[in-house]
Amino acid sequence: CSSIIMSKILKNINQPLILDASGFKPIIDGHIKISDLPEKTILTPHYYEFSKLFKININDFYLDPINYVKSTISILNGRVLILKGPTTIIVTSDSKIFFINNGHPNLSTAGTGDVLTGLIGALISKLKLIDDAAILGVYIHNFSSTLFSEEFQPDGLTASKLIDILPMAMESVRNVH
């Protein structure tokens, strides 16, 4: 799907949207702006995608990630940002910044970001609030990776194994309250 076609589709979505990976291409290519996305959008880039989305030199970003994230708040204009990394940084729709670092390095495996997207989508359908879904989704996703490393093995996490452990992680989080 070309970037131009994707931009036309994205401009016409009237439901909550979670945008990840190749979904960023129309923005990076300049066919659409973040402000053209639905108000209830969650962007889930990792650091390199973030640097491309906001046209920030990746090496400069690594020197001062928090200030670069803060500098994007006006561009987000109420959209949620989940910046995936060793410490995941979340900017909520009301511009609050959260740091979640309960994940395990095994989470940097292909496909685990797709699991996060699916989990957040499911939470949005249940909670109806994108900020809560983003924060809870990231927390559970990260906790699942840590749980996997503690319960099974420190390495070898795949997206499908992450999906398998999500119910156990969700139950543990539910039991905290």
C-alpha atoms as a PDB file:
ATOM      1  CA  CYS A   1       0.000   0.000   0.000  1.00  0.00           C
ATOM      2  CA  SER A   2       1.559   3.269  -1.031  1.00  0.00           C
ATOM      3  CA  SER A   3       2.173   6.057   1.383  1.00  0.00           C
ATOM      4  CA  ILE A   4      -0.281   8.312  -0.490  1.00  0.00           C
ATOM      5  CA  ILE A   5      -3.108   5.770  -0.288  1.00  0.00           C
ATOM      6  CA  MET A   6      -2.348   5.119   3.383  1.00  0.00           C
ATOM      7  CA  SER A   7      -2.466   8.854   4.115  1.00  0.00           C
ATOM      8  CA  LYS A   8      -5.953   9.103   2.568  1.00  0.00           C
ATOM      9  CA  ILE A   9      -7.135   6.164   4.662  1.00  0.00           C
ATOM     10  CA  LEU A  10      -5.606   7.553   7.872  1.00  0.00           C
ATOM     11  CA  LYS A  11      -7.246  10.957   7.366  1.00  0.00           C
ATOM     12  CA  ASN A  12     -10.683   9.319   7.222  1.00  0.00           C
ATOM     13  CA  ILE A  13     -10.543   7.110  10.317  1.00  0.00           C
ATOM     14  CA  ASN A  14     -13.055   8.128  12.979  1.00  0.00           C
ATOM     15  CA  GLN A  15     -12.160   5.516  15.600  1.00  0.00           C
ATOM     16  CA  PRO A  16      -9.232   5.182  18.000  1.00  0.00           C
ATOM     17  CA  LEU A  17      -6.088   4.343  16.042  1.00  0.00           C
ATOM     18  CA  ILE A  18      -2.840   2.668  17.050  1.00  0.00           C
ATOM     19  CA  LEU A  19      -0.079   3.444  14.587  1.00  0.00           C
ATOM     20  CA  ASP A  20       3.151   1.439  14.457  1.00  0.00           C
ATOM     21  CA  ALA A  21       6.005   0.512  12.105  1.00  0.00           C
ATOM     22  CA  SER A  22       5.078   0.884   8.427  1.00  0.00           C
ATOM     23  CA  GLY A  23       2.042   2.919   9.494  1.00  0.00           C
ATOM     24  CA  PHE A  24       4.477   5.793  10.084  1.00  0.00           C
ATOM     25  CA  LYS A  25       5.555   5.884   6.446  1.00  0.00           C
ATOM     26  CA  PRO A  26       2.982   8.468   5.239  1.00  0.00           C
ATOM     27  CA  ILE A  27       4.095  10.829   8.026  1.00  0.00           C
ATOM     28  CA  ILE A  28       7.801  10.253   7.419  1.00  0.00           C
ATOM     29  CA  ASP A  29       7.279  10.734   3.663  1.00  0.00           C
ATOM     30  CA  GLY A  30       5.410  14.003   4.280  1.00  0.00           C
ATOM     31  CA  HIS A  31       2.026  12.917   2.845  1.00  0.00           C
ATOM     32  CA  ILE A  32       0.239  13.455   6.143  1.00  0.00           C
ATOM     33  CA  LYS A  33       0.938  15.269   9.406  1.00  0.00           C
ATOM     34  CA  ILE A  34       0.415  13.926  12.892  1.00  0.00           C
ATOM     35  CA  SER A  35      -2.283  16.583  13.294  1.00  0.00           C
ATOM     36  CA  ASP A  36      -4.199  14.909  10.426  1.00  0.00           C
ATOM     37  CA  LEU A  37      -4.552  11.690  12.426  1.00  0.00           C
ATOM     38  CA  PRO A  38      -7.645  11.026  14.553  1.00  0.00           C
ATOM     39  CA  GLU A  39      -7.511  12.731  17.939  1.00  0.00           C
ATOM     40  CA  LYS A  40      -7.602   9.335  19.661  1.00  0.00           C
ATOM     41  CA  THR A  41      -4.375   8.084  18.091  1.00  0.00           C
ATOM     42  CA  ILE A  42      -1.571   6.228  19.834  1.00  0.00           C
ATOM     43  CA  LEU A  43       1.818   6.311  18.092  1.00  0.00           C
ATOM     44  CA  THR A  44       4.166   3.482  19.140  1.00  0.00           C
ATOM     45  CA  PRO A  45       7.613   4.116  17.648  1.00  0.00           C
ATOM     46  CA  HIS A  46      10.913   2.775  18.882  1.00  0.00           C
ATOM     47  CA  TYR A  47      13.780   5.296  19.068  1.00  0.00           C
ATOM     48  CA  TYR A  48      14.816   5.144  15.411  1.00  0.00           C
ATOM     49  CA  GLU A  49      11.220   5.473  14.172  1.00  0.00           C
ATOM     50  CA  PHE A  50      10.736   8.374  16.596  1.00  0.00           C
ATOM     51  CA  SER A  51      13.759  10.169  15.140  1.00  0.00           C
ATOM     52  CA  LYS A  52      12.349   9.730  11.618  1.00  0.00           C
ATOM     53  CA  LEU A  53       8.809  10.801  12.611  1.00  0.00           C
ATOM     54  CA  PHE A  54       9.967  14.004  14.262  1.00  0.00           C
ATOM     55  CA  LYS A  55      13.009  14.618  12.045  1.00  0.00           C
ATOM     56  CA  ILE A  56      15.465  14.438  14.919  1.00  0.00           C
ATOM     57  CA  ASN A  57      19.040  13.255  14.498  1.00  0.00           C
ATOM     58  CA  ILE A  58      19.176   9.895  16.284  1.00  0.00           C
ATOM     59  CA  ASN A  59      22.586  10.629  17.826  1.00  0.00           C
ATOM     60  CA  ASP A  60      21.312  13.938  19.227  1.00  0.00           C
ATOM     61  CA  PHE A  61      18.224  12.151  20.540  1.00  0.00           C
ATOM     62  CA  TYR A  62      20.343   9.691  22.535  1.00  0.00           C
ATOM     63  CA  LEU A  63      22.080  12.620  24.261  1.00  0.00           C
ATOM     64  CA  ASP A  64      18.833  14.084  25.625  1.00  0.00           C
ATOM     65  CA  PRO A  65      15.786  11.849  25.012  1.00  0.00           C
ATOM     66  CA  ILE A  66      13.525  13.434  27.608  1.00  0.00           C
ATOM     67  CA  ASN A  67      13.827  16.945  26.201  1.00  0.00           C
ATOM     68  CA  TYR A  68      13.294  15.656  22.668  1.00  0.00           C
ATOM     69  CA  VAL A  69      10.142  13.866  23.804  1.00  0.00           C
ATOM     70  CA  LYS A  70       8.954  17.055  25.529  1.00  0.00           C
ATOM     71  CA  SER A  71       9.601  18.992  22.327  1.00  0.00           C
ATOM     72  CA  THR A  72       7.086  16.818  20.461  1.00  0.00           C
ATOM     73  CA  ILE A  73       4.149  17.428  22.809  1.00  0.00           C
ATOM     74  CA  SER A  74       2.817  20.388  20.817  1.00  0.00           C
ATOM     75  CA  ILE A  75       3.091  18.367  17.587  1.00  0.00           C
ATOM     76  CA  LEU A  76       1.217  15.457  19.181  1.00  0.00           C
ATOM     77  CA  ASN A  77      -1.549  17.882  20.149  1.00  0.00           C
ATOM     78  CA  GLY A  78      -3.428  15.394  22.328  1.00  0.00           C
ATOM     79  CA  ARG A  79      -2.319  12.222  20.598  1.00  0.00           C
ATOM     80  CA  VAL A  80      -0.615   9.599  22.759  1.00  0.00           C
ATOM     81  CA  LEU A  81       3.022   8.653  22.265  1.00  0.00           C
ATOM     82  CA  ILE A  82       4.519   5.377  23.440  1.00  0.00           C
ATOM     83  CA  LEU A  83       8.253   5.582  22.796  1.00  0.00           C
ATOM     84  CA  LYS A  84       9.454   2.005  23.074  1.00  0.00           C
ATOM     85  CA  GLY A  85      12.892   1.416  24.532  1.00  0.00           C
ATOM     86  CA  PRO A  86      14.742   0.124  27.594  1.00  0.00           C
ATOM     87  CA  THR A  87      12.613   2.607  29.514  1.00  0.00           C
ATOM     88  CA  THR A  88       9.355   3.197  27.673  1.00  0.00           C
ATOM     89  CA  ILE A  89       8.260   6.821  27.686  1.00  0.00           C
ATOM     90  CA  ILE A  90       4.549   7.564  27.401  1.00  0.00           C
ATOM     91  CA  VAL A  91       3.083  10.988  26.662  1.00  0.00           C
ATOM     92  CA  THR A  92      -0.640  10.974  27.431  1.00  0.00           C
ATOM     93  CA  SER A  93      -3.334  12.928  25.637  1.00  0.00           C
ATOM     94  CA  ASP A  94      -3.130  15.595  28.342  1.00  0.00           C
ATOM     95  CA  SER A  95       0.684  15.845  27.950  1.00  0.00           C
ATOM     96  CA  LYS A  96       1.645  13.978  31.124  1.00  0.00           C
ATOM     97  CA  ILE A  97       4.840  11.944  30.806  1.00  0.00           C
ATOM     98  CA  PHE A  98       5.219   8.463  32.292  1.00  0.00           C
ATOM     99  CA  PHE A  99       8.277   6.223  32.399  1.00  0.00           C
ATOM    100  CA  ILE A 100       7.810   2.461  32.542  1.00  0.00           C
ATOM    101  CA  ASN A 101      10.878   0.292  32.970  1.00  0.00           C
ATOM    102  CA  ASN A 102       9.588  -3.035  34.261  1.00  0.00           C
ATOM    103  CA  GLY A 103      10.510  -4.878  31.057  1.00  0.00           C
ATOM    104  CA  HIS A 104      13.270  -7.334  30.300  1.00  0.00           C
ATOM    105  CA  PRO A 105      15.811  -6.934  27.457  1.00  0.00           C
ATOM    106  CA  ASN A 106      14.305 -10.058  25.832  1.00  0.00           C
ATOM    107  CA  LEU A 107      11.467  -7.775  24.723  1.00  0.00           C
ATOM    108  CA  SER A 108      13.573  -6.426  21.860  1.00  0.00           C
ATOM    109  CA  THR A 109      12.515  -9.356  19.690  1.00  0.00           C
ATOM    110  CA  ALA A 110      10.746  -9.086  16.338  1.00  0.00           C
ATOM    111  CA  GLY A 111       6.973  -9.137  16.684  1.00  0.00           C
ATOM    112  CA  THR A 112       6.741  -8.152  20.340  1.00  0.00           C
ATOM    113  CA  GLY A 113       5.730  -4.612  19.334  1.00  0.00           C
ATOM    114  CA  ASP A 114       2.837  -6.135  17.400  1.00  0.00           C
ATOM    115  CA  VAL A 115       1.770  -7.900  20.589  1.00  0.00           C
ATOM    116  CA  LEU A 116       1.824  -4.540  22.382  1.00  0.00           C
ATOM    117  CA  THR A 117      -0.350  -3.008  19.657  1.00  0.00           C
ATOM    118  CA  GLY A 118      -2.879  -5.842  19.929  1.00  0.00           C
ATOM    119  CA  LEU A 119      -2.932  -5.671  23.714  1.00  0.00           C
ATOM    120  CA  ILE A 120      -3.537  -1.921  23.678  1.00  0.00           C
ATOM    121  CA  GLY A 121      -6.287  -2.362  21.078  1.00  0.00           C
ATOM    122  CA  ALA A 122      -8.009  -4.901  23.300  1.00  0.00           C
ATOM    123  CA  LEU A 123      -7.673  -2.616  26.316  1.00  0.00           C
ATOM    124  CA  ILE A 124      -9.127   0.331  24.380  1.00  0.00           C
ATOM    125  CA  SER A 125     -12.165  -1.755  23.481  1.00  0.00           C
ATOM    126  CA  LYS A 126     -12.633  -2.632  27.155  1.00  0.00           C
ATOM    127  CA  LEU A 127     -11.597   0.584  28.935  1.00  0.00           C
ATOM    128  CA  LYS A 128     -12.588   3.118  26.241  1.00  0.00           C
ATOM    129  CA  LEU A 129      -9.816   5.453  27.468  1.00  0.00           C
ATOM    130  CA  ILE A 130      -6.685   5.593  25.329  1.00  0.00           C
ATOM    131  CA  ASP A 131      -4.418   6.962  28.066  1.00  0.00           C
ATOM    132  CA  ASP A 132      -5.342   4.170  30.481  1.00  0.00           C
ATOM    133  CA  ALA A 133      -5.050   1.562  27.728  1.00  0.00           C
ATOM    134  CA  ALA A 134      -1.610   2.848  26.749  1.00  0.00           C
ATOM    135  CA  ILE A 135      -0.210   2.895  30.287  1.00  0.00           C
ATOM    136  CA  LEU A 136      -1.748  -0.406  31.369  1.00  0.00           C
ATOM    137  CA  GLY A 137      -0.861  -2.052  28.053  1.00  0.00           C
ATOM    138  CA  VAL A 138       2.803  -1.065  28.289  1.00  0.00           C
ATOM    139  CA  TYR A 139       2.980  -2.121  31.928  1.00  0.00           C
ATOM    140  CA  ILE A 140       1.454  -5.560  31.282  1.00  0.00           C
ATOM    141  CA  HIS A 141       3.498  -6.062  28.103  1.00  0.00           C
ATOM    142  CA  ASN A 142       6.746  -5.256  29.902  1.00  0.00           C
ATOM    143  CA  PHE A 143       5.775  -7.274  32.972  1.00  0.00           C
ATOM    144  CA  SER A 144       5.053 -10.262  30.724  1.00  0.00           C
ATOM    145  CA  SER A 145       8.631 -10.202  29.435  1.00  0.00           C
ATOM    146  CA  THR A 146      10.010 -10.084  32.967  1.00  0.00           C
ATOM    147  CA  LEU A 147       7.670 -12.854  34.075  1.00  0.00           C
ATOM    148  CA  PHE A 148       8.816 -14.999  31.141  1.00  0.00           C
ATOM    149  CA  SER A 149      12.473 -14.535  32.073  1.00  0.00           C
ATOM    150  CA  GLU A 150      11.800 -15.360  35.738  1.00  0.00           C
ATOM    151  CA  GLU A 151       9.408 -18.279  35.216  1.00  0.00           C
ATOM    152  CA  PHE A 152      10.895 -19.922  32.140  1.00  0.00           C
ATOM    153  CA  GLN A 153      14.201 -18.677  30.769  1.00  0.00           C
ATOM    154  CA  PRO A 154      16.035 -15.374  30.483  1.00  0.00           C
ATOM    155  CA  ASP A 155      16.352 -15.615  26.700  1.00  0.00           C
ATOM    156  CA  GLY A 156      14.278 -17.049  23.895  1.00  0.00           C
ATOM    157  CA  LEU A 157      11.197 -14.872  24.176  1.00  0.00           C
ATOM    158  CA  THR A 158       9.223 -14.796  20.937  1.00  0.00           C
ATOM    159  CA  ALA A 159       6.052 -12.900  20.130  1.00  0.00           C
ATOM    160  CA  SER A 160       3.981 -16.092  20.379  1.00  0.00           C
ATOM    161  CA  LYS A 161       5.502 -16.965  23.784  1.00  0.00           C
ATOM    162  CA  LEU A 162       4.754 -13.422  24.925  1.00  0.00           C
ATOM    163  CA  ILE A 163       1.126 -13.853  23.906  1.00  0.00           C
ATOM    164  CA  ASP A 164       0.993 -17.130  25.849  1.00  0.00           C
ATOM    165  CA  ILE A 165       2.203 -15.471  29.061  1.00  0.00           C
ATOM    166  CA  LEU A 166      -0.040 -12.387  28.849  1.00  0.00           C
ATOM    167  CA  PRO A 167      -2.945 -14.007  30.768  1.00  0.00           C
ATOM    168  CA  MET A 168      -0.625 -14.877  33.662  1.00  0.00           C
ATOM    169  CA  ALA A 169       0.734 -11.321  33.735  1.00  0.00           C
ATOM    170  CA  MET A 170      -2.757  -9.820  33.549  1.00  0.00           C
ATOM    171  CA  GLU A 171      -3.920 -12.014  36.416  1.00  0.00           C
ATOM    172  CA  SER A 172      -0.932 -10.950  38.522  1.00  0.00           C
ATOM    173  CA  VAL A 173      -1.687  -7.282  37.854  1.00  0.00           C
ATOM    174  CA  ARG A 174      -5.380  -7.828  38.600  1.00  0.00           C
ATOM    175  CA  ASN A 175      -4.526  -9.447  41.935  1.00  0.00           C
ATOM    176  CA  VAL A 176      -2.511  -6.414  43.043  1.00  0.00           C
ATOM    177  CA  HIS A 177      -5.743  -4.453  43.403  1.00  0.00           C
END
